[in-house]
Amino acid sequence: MLTQQFAAVLASAAEVEAESATGTALLVGGSIMALFLLMLLVTVSFSNVGRRHEIHAEIPDAHRQHANKHGVEHH
């Protein structure tokens, strides 16, 4: 069954001329560019998430499994 489909694809590809190949290349390239622009839009829209609120001091929680003590003296 796959060999029949492969033969049909090869037969139809043989009938297609260079004009269609250019259109296909533009379609593929345009799709890739649109995908990258969409990813850029998502990245830019989430770039300011960390700057929405003022920075507050972290409240010490003795029940945390790993306390963030980087750069702080241990008592």
C-alpha atoms as a PDB file:
ATOM      1  CA  MET A   1       0.000   0.000   0.000  1.00  0.00           C
ATOM      2  CA  LEU A   2       2.782   2.421   0.869  1.00  0.00           C
ATOM      3  CA  THR A   3       4.594   1.610  -2.355  1.00  0.00           C
ATOM      4  CA  GLN A   4       1.461   2.523  -4.311  1.00  0.00           C
ATOM      5  CA  GLN A   5       1.200   5.829  -2.467  1.00  0.00           C
ATOM      6  CA  PHE A   6       4.905   6.479  -2.995  1.00  0.00           C
ATOM      7  CA  ALA A   7       4.529   5.752  -6.717  1.00  0.00           C
ATOM      8  CA  ALA A   8       1.532   8.106  -6.893  1.00  0.00           C
ATOM      9  CA  VAL A   9       3.498  10.849  -5.144  1.00  0.00           C
ATOM     10  CA  LEU A  10       6.440  10.378  -7.522  1.00  0.00           C
ATOM     11  CA  ALA A  11       4.136  10.439 -10.543  1.00  0.00           C
ATOM     12  CA  SER A  12       2.429  13.613  -9.402  1.00  0.00           C
ATOM     13  CA  ALA A  13       5.769  15.210  -8.537  1.00  0.00           C
ATOM     14  CA  ALA A  14       6.996  14.499 -12.030  1.00  0.00           C
ATOM     15  CA  GLU A  15       4.060  16.423 -13.458  1.00  0.00           C
ATOM     16  CA  VAL A  16       4.662  19.480 -11.296  1.00  0.00           C
ATOM     17  CA  GLU A  17       6.782  22.195 -12.863  1.00  0.00           C
ATOM     18  CA  ALA A  18       9.225  24.698 -11.357  1.00  0.00           C
ATOM     19  CA  GLU A  19       6.502  27.295 -10.786  1.00  0.00           C
ATOM     20  CA  SER A  20       4.836  25.107  -8.191  1.00  0.00           C
ATOM     21  CA  ALA A  21       8.176  24.410  -6.504  1.00  0.00           C
ATOM     22  CA  THR A  22       8.722  28.146  -6.050  1.00  0.00           C
ATOM     23  CA  GLY A  23       5.257  28.517  -4.542  1.00  0.00           C
ATOM     24  CA  THR A  24       5.911  25.610  -2.202  1.00  0.00           C
ATOM     25  CA  ALA A  25       9.221  27.101  -1.105  1.00  0.00           C
ATOM     26  CA  LEU A  26       7.551  30.443  -0.401  1.00  0.00           C
ATOM     27  CA  LEU A  27       4.764  28.707   1.509  1.00  0.00           C
ATOM     28  CA  VAL A  28       7.208  26.728   3.663  1.00  0.00           C
ATOM     29  CA  GLY A  29       9.449  29.744   4.243  1.00  0.00           C
ATOM     30  CA  GLY A  30       6.487  31.966   5.067  1.00  0.00           C
ATOM     31  CA  SER A  31       5.140  29.398   7.505  1.00  0.00           C
ATOM     32  CA  ILE A  32       8.484  29.149   9.272  1.00  0.00           C
ATOM     33  CA  MET A  33       8.759  32.929   9.451  1.00  0.00           C
ATOM     34  CA  ALA A  34       5.223  33.206  10.849  1.00  0.00           C
ATOM     35  CA  LEU A  35       6.062  30.585  13.479  1.00  0.00           C
ATOM     36  CA  PHE A  36       9.190  32.469  14.551  1.00  0.00           C
ATOM     37  CA  LEU A  37       7.266  35.758  14.688  1.00  0.00           C
ATOM     38  CA  LEU A  38       4.636  34.097  16.867  1.00  0.00           C
ATOM     39  CA  MET A  39       7.345  32.764  19.211  1.00  0.00           C
ATOM     40  CA  LEU A  40       8.906  36.252  19.302  1.00  0.00           C
ATOM     41  CA  LEU A  41       5.550  37.768  20.236  1.00  0.00           C
ATOM     42  CA  VAL A  42       5.090  35.261  23.071  1.00  0.00           C
ATOM     43  CA  THR A  43       8.629  35.916  24.338  1.00  0.00           C
ATOM     44  CA  VAL A  44       8.184  39.692  24.297  1.00  0.00           C
ATOM     45  CA  SER A  45       4.773  39.498  25.963  1.00  0.00           C
ATOM     46  CA  PHE A  46       6.206  37.546  28.909  1.00  0.00           C
ATOM     47  CA  SER A  47       9.450  39.518  29.224  1.00  0.00           C
ATOM     48  CA  ASN A  48       8.119  41.903  31.884  1.00  0.00           C
ATOM     49  CA  VAL A  49       6.489  39.348  34.194  1.00  0.00           C
ATOM     50  CA  GLY A  50       9.219  39.766  36.798  1.00  0.00           C
ATOM     51  CA  ARG A  51       8.900  43.557  36.822  1.00  0.00           C
ATOM     52  CA  ARG A  52       5.197  43.869  37.580  1.00  0.00           C
ATOM     53  CA  HIS A  53       5.462  44.397  41.336  1.00  0.00           C
ATOM     54  CA  GLU A  54       7.932  45.922  43.731  1.00  0.00           C
ATOM     55  CA  ILE A  55      10.485  43.638  45.287  1.00  0.00           C
ATOM     56  CA  HIS A  56       9.613  42.580  48.842  1.00  0.00           C
ATOM     57  CA  ALA A  57      11.849  40.937  51.400  1.00  0.00           C
ATOM     58  CA  GLU A  58      11.305  37.207  51.561  1.00  0.00           C
ATOM     59  CA  ILE A  59       9.577  36.035  54.731  1.00  0.00           C
ATOM     60  CA  PRO A  60      11.635  33.285  56.384  1.00  0.00           C
ATOM     61  CA  ASP A  61       9.756  29.993  56.450  1.00  0.00           C
ATOM     62  CA  ALA A  62      11.179  27.271  58.689  1.00  0.00           C
ATOM     63  CA  HIS A  63       9.067  24.625  56.958  1.00  0.00           C
ATOM     64  CA  ARG A  64      10.684  24.988  53.560  1.00  0.00           C
ATOM     65  CA  GLN A  65      12.659  22.018  52.432  1.00  0.00           C
ATOM     66  CA  HIS A  66      15.464  24.125  50.999  1.00  0.00           C
ATOM     67  CA  ALA A  67      15.793  27.585  52.434  1.00  0.00           C
ATOM     68  CA  ASN A  68      17.348  30.095  50.048  1.00  0.00           C
ATOM     69  CA  LYS A  69      20.323  31.156  52.134  1.00  0.00           C
ATOM     70  CA  HIS A  70      22.673  32.271  49.373  1.00  0.00           C
ATOM     71  CA  GLY A  71      24.795  35.169  50.574  1.00  0.00           C
ATOM     72  CA  VAL A  72      23.183  35.205  54.025  1.00  0.00           C
ATOM     73  CA  GLU A  73      25.066  34.377  57.203  1.00  0.00           C
ATOM     74  CA  HIS A  74      23.873  31.266  59.012  1.00  0.00           C
ATOM     75  CA  HIS A  75      22.902  31.728  62.651  1.00  0.00           C
END
